[in-house]
C-alpha atoms as a PDB file:
ATOM      1  CA  MET A   1      13.464 -68.544  71.289  1.00  0.00           C
ATOM      2  CA  SER A   2      14.403 -70.482  68.191  1.00  0.00           C
ATOM      3  CA  GLN A   3      16.361 -73.695  68.079  1.00  0.00           C
ATOM      4  CA  ILE A   4      19.169 -74.573  65.717  1.00  0.00           C
ATOM      5  CA  SER A   5      18.329 -76.935  62.854  1.00  0.00           C
ATOM      6  CA  SER A   6      19.679 -80.439  63.438  1.00  0.00           C
ATOM      7  CA  ASP A   7      20.878 -80.397  59.795  1.00  0.00           C
ATOM      8  CA  VAL A   8      23.168 -77.470  60.547  1.00  0.00           C
ATOM      9  CA  ILE A   9      24.784 -79.069  63.564  1.00  0.00           C
ATOM     10  CA  ARG A  10      24.782 -82.756  62.568  1.00  0.00           C
ATOM     11  CA  GLY A  11      28.482 -82.858  61.699  1.00  0.00           C
ATOM     12  CA  TYR A  12      29.383 -81.535  65.133  1.00  0.00           C
ATOM     13  CA  ASN A  13      27.333 -83.814  67.385  1.00  0.00           C
ATOM     14  CA  ASP A  14      30.451 -85.874  68.117  1.00  0.00           C
ATOM     15  CA  THR A  15      32.369 -82.713  69.018  1.00  0.00           C
ATOM     16  CA  ILE A  16      29.613 -81.606  71.383  1.00  0.00           C
ATOM     17  CA  ILE A  17      29.419 -84.999  73.106  1.00  0.00           C
ATOM     18  CA  LEU A  18      33.201 -85.306  73.384  1.00  0.00           C
ATOM     19  CA  TYR A  19      33.387 -81.810  74.881  1.00  0.00           C
ATOM     20  CA  ILE A  20      31.141 -82.976  77.713  1.00  0.00           C
ATOM     21  CA  LEU A  21      33.053 -86.229  78.174  1.00  0.00           C
ATOM     22  CA  MET A  22      36.358 -84.317  78.461  1.00  0.00           C
ATOM     23  CA  GLU A  23      35.198 -83.284  81.958  1.00  0.00           C
ATOM     24  CA  GLU A  24      34.146 -86.700  83.247  1.00  0.00           C
ATOM     25  CA  PRO A  25      32.395 -89.902  82.181  1.00  0.00           C
ATOM     26  CA  SER A  26      28.651 -89.522  81.826  1.00  0.00           C
ATOM     27  CA  TYR A  27      25.495 -91.266  80.587  1.00  0.00           C
ATOM     28  CA  GLY A  28      22.993 -90.471  77.867  1.00  0.00           C
ATOM     29  CA  TYR A  29      20.300 -88.577  79.727  1.00  0.00           C
ATOM     30  CA  GLU A  30      22.807 -86.443  81.624  1.00  0.00           C
ATOM     31  CA  ILE A  31      24.704 -85.627  78.404  1.00  0.00           C
ATOM     32  CA  SER A  32      21.506 -84.563  76.598  1.00  0.00           C
ATOM     33  CA  LYS A  33      20.564 -82.404  79.600  1.00  0.00           C
ATOM     34  CA  GLN A  34      23.989 -80.739  79.566  1.00  0.00           C
ATOM     35  CA  ILE A  35      23.782 -80.062  75.812  1.00  0.00           C
ATOM     36  CA  LYS A  36      20.400 -78.417  76.292  1.00  0.00           C
ATOM     37  CA  GLY A  37      21.687 -76.326  79.204  1.00  0.00           C
ATOM     38  CA  ILE A  38      25.029 -75.279  77.703  1.00  0.00           C
ATOM     39  CA  SER A  39      23.287 -74.240  74.463  1.00  0.00           C
ATOM     40  CA  ASP A  40      20.674 -72.221  76.396  1.00  0.00           C
ATOM     41  CA  GLU A  41      18.079 -74.609  74.953  1.00  0.00           C
ATOM     42  CA  LYS A  42      18.954 -73.602  71.377  1.00  0.00           C
ATOM     43  CA  TYR A  43      19.989 -77.192  70.649  1.00  0.00           C
ATOM     44  CA  VAL A  44      18.156 -80.238  71.946  1.00  0.00           C
ATOM     45  CA  ILE A  45      19.720 -83.483  70.754  1.00  0.00           C
ATOM     46  CA  LYS A  46      17.290 -86.289  69.953  1.00  0.00           C
ATOM     47  CA  GLU A  47      17.749 -89.527  71.871  1.00  0.00           C
ATOM     48  CA  THR A  48      18.164 -91.550  68.660  1.00  0.00           C
ATOM     49  CA  THR A  49      20.822 -89.107  67.436  1.00  0.00           C
ATOM     50  CA  LEU A  50      22.669 -89.321  70.742  1.00  0.00           C
ATOM     51  CA  TYR A  51      22.719 -93.105  70.929  1.00  0.00           C
ATOM     52  CA  SER A  52      23.695 -93.551  67.286  1.00  0.00           C
ATOM     53  CA  ALA A  53      26.593 -91.131  67.960  1.00  0.00           C
ATOM     54  CA  PHE A  54      27.626 -93.251  70.970  1.00  0.00           C
ATOM     55  CA  THR A  55      27.568 -96.407  68.835  1.00  0.00           C
ATOM     56  CA  ARG A  56      29.577 -94.802  66.014  1.00  0.00           C
ATOM     57  CA  MET A  57      32.139 -93.197  68.312  1.00  0.00           C
ATOM     58  CA  GLU A  58      32.628 -96.378  70.313  1.00  0.00           C
ATOM     59  CA  LYS A  59      33.147 -98.333  67.074  1.00  0.00           C
ATOM     60  CA  ASN A  60      35.757 -95.729  66.006  1.00  0.00           C
ATOM     61  CA  GLY A  61      37.524 -95.941  69.362  1.00  0.00           C
ATOM     62  CA  TYR A  62      36.743 -92.342  70.444  1.00  0.00           C
ATOM     63  CA  ILE A  63      34.783 -93.377  73.541  1.00  0.00           C
ATOM     64  CA  GLU A  64      34.328 -96.503  75.609  1.00  0.00           C
ATOM     65  CA  SER A  65      31.314 -97.581  77.600  1.00  0.00           C
ATOM     66  CA  PHE A  66      31.050 -99.202  80.999  1.00  0.00           C
ATOM     67  CA  VAL A  67      28.173-100.148  83.263  1.00  0.00           C
ATOM     68  CA  ALA A  68      27.999 -98.499  86.665  1.00  0.00           C
ATOM     69  CA  GLU A  69      26.200-100.314  89.433  1.00  0.00           C
ATOM     70  CA  PRO A  70      23.781 -98.495  91.744  1.00  0.00           C
ATOM     71  CA  ASP A  71      25.487 -96.801  94.692  1.00  0.00           C
ATOM     72  CA  SER A  72      26.001 -98.651  97.972  1.00  0.00           C
ATOM     73  CA  SER A  73      22.792 -97.239  99.443  1.00  0.00           C
ATOM     74  CA  GLY A  74      20.884 -99.046  96.702  1.00  0.00           C
ATOM     75  CA  ASN A  75      19.743 -95.788  95.125  1.00  0.00           C
ATOM     76  CA  GLY A  76      19.751 -95.387  91.391  1.00  0.00           C
ATOM     77  CA  LYS A  77      19.956 -98.072  88.747  1.00  0.00           C
ATOM     78  CA  LYS A  78      22.522 -99.678  86.491  1.00  0.00           C
ATOM     79  CA  ARG A  79      23.581 -97.161  83.860  1.00  0.00           C
ATOM     80  CA  THR A  80      25.803 -97.295  80.826  1.00  0.00           C
ATOM     81  CA  TYR A  81      28.397 -94.548  81.092  1.00  0.00           C
ATOM     82  CA  TYR A  82      30.743 -93.313  78.393  1.00  0.00           C
ATOM     83  CA  ARG A  83      34.271 -91.970  78.706  1.00  0.00           C
ATOM     84  CA  ILE A  84      36.536 -90.359  76.131  1.00  0.00           C
ATOM     85  CA  THR A  85      39.664 -92.220  75.000  1.00  0.00           C
ATOM     86  CA  ASP A  86      43.025 -90.755  73.959  1.00  0.00           C
ATOM     87  CA  ARG A  87      41.984 -91.337  70.357  1.00  0.00           C
ATOM     88  CA  GLY A  88      38.753 -89.455  71.099  1.00  0.00           C
ATOM     89  CA  LYS A  89      40.746 -86.512  72.482  1.00  0.00           C
ATOM     90  CA  GLU A  90      42.764 -86.377  69.255  1.00  0.00           C
ATOM     91  CA  TYR A  91      39.563 -86.540  67.189  1.00  0.00           C
ATOM     92  CA  TYR A  92      38.008 -83.764  69.300  1.00  0.00           C
ATOM     93  CA  LYS A  93      41.043 -81.533  68.669  1.00  0.00           C
ATOM     94  CA  SER A  94      40.871 -82.190  64.899  1.00  0.00           C
ATOM     95  CA  LYS A  95      37.141 -81.325  64.859  1.00  0.00           C
ATOM     96  CA  CYS A  96      37.863 -78.069  66.742  1.00  0.00           C
ATOM     97  CA  ASP A  97      40.522 -77.182  64.148  1.00  0.00           C
ATOM     98  CA  GLU A  98      38.073 -78.061  61.354  1.00  0.00           C
ATOM     99  CA  TRP A  99      35.441 -75.822  62.986  1.00  0.00           C
ATOM    100  CA  GLU A 100      37.767 -72.813  62.903  1.00  0.00           C
ATOM    101  CA  ILE A 101      38.233 -73.255  59.143  1.00  0.00           C
ATOM    102  CA  THR A 102      34.484 -73.853  58.646  1.00  0.00           C
ATOM    103  CA  LYS A 103      33.603 -70.623  60.483  1.00  0.00           C
ATOM    104  CA  GLU A 104      36.153 -68.703  58.411  1.00  0.00           C
ATOM    105  CA  VAL A 105      34.723 -69.997  55.131  1.00  0.00           C
ATOM    106  CA  ILE A 106      31.020 -69.612  56.010  1.00  0.00           C
ATOM    107  CA  GLN A 107      31.596 -66.094  57.358  1.00  0.00           C
ATOM    108  CA  LYS A 108      32.639 -65.051  53.839  1.00  0.00           C
ATOM    109  CA  PHE A 109      29.093 -65.887  52.690  1.00  0.00           C
ATOM    110  CA  ILE A 110      27.158 -64.132  55.460  1.00  0.00           C
ATOM    111  CA  ARG A 111      25.892 -60.673  54.619  1.00  0.00           C
ATOM    112  CA  GLY A 112      25.673 -58.161  57.404  1.00  0.00           C
ATOM    113  CA  GLU A 113      22.545 -56.047  57.602  1.00  0.00           C
END
């Protein structure tokens, strides 16, 4: 099974991450696991790519981070979680609209066999 080139998908990493955060807040490892699973392992996001996306999106106001304490039973550890903001939801919608146009344009340059 082949994987998608990170160059091809780079401009849509934010969209992918925001899609996951639309459901509920989450943390880095869990988000990367979901991306791998949802894409049927065709896209595996690198940790550095993921965390630089978090930093950029937080700076732009698309997500916000918070630290969650371990549960009351003492299991787990402190984790930084991320949640989407209203501004992030608007950005996600604009990237989805952009994707529709992108697909339409690129499709004109794909030759069928």
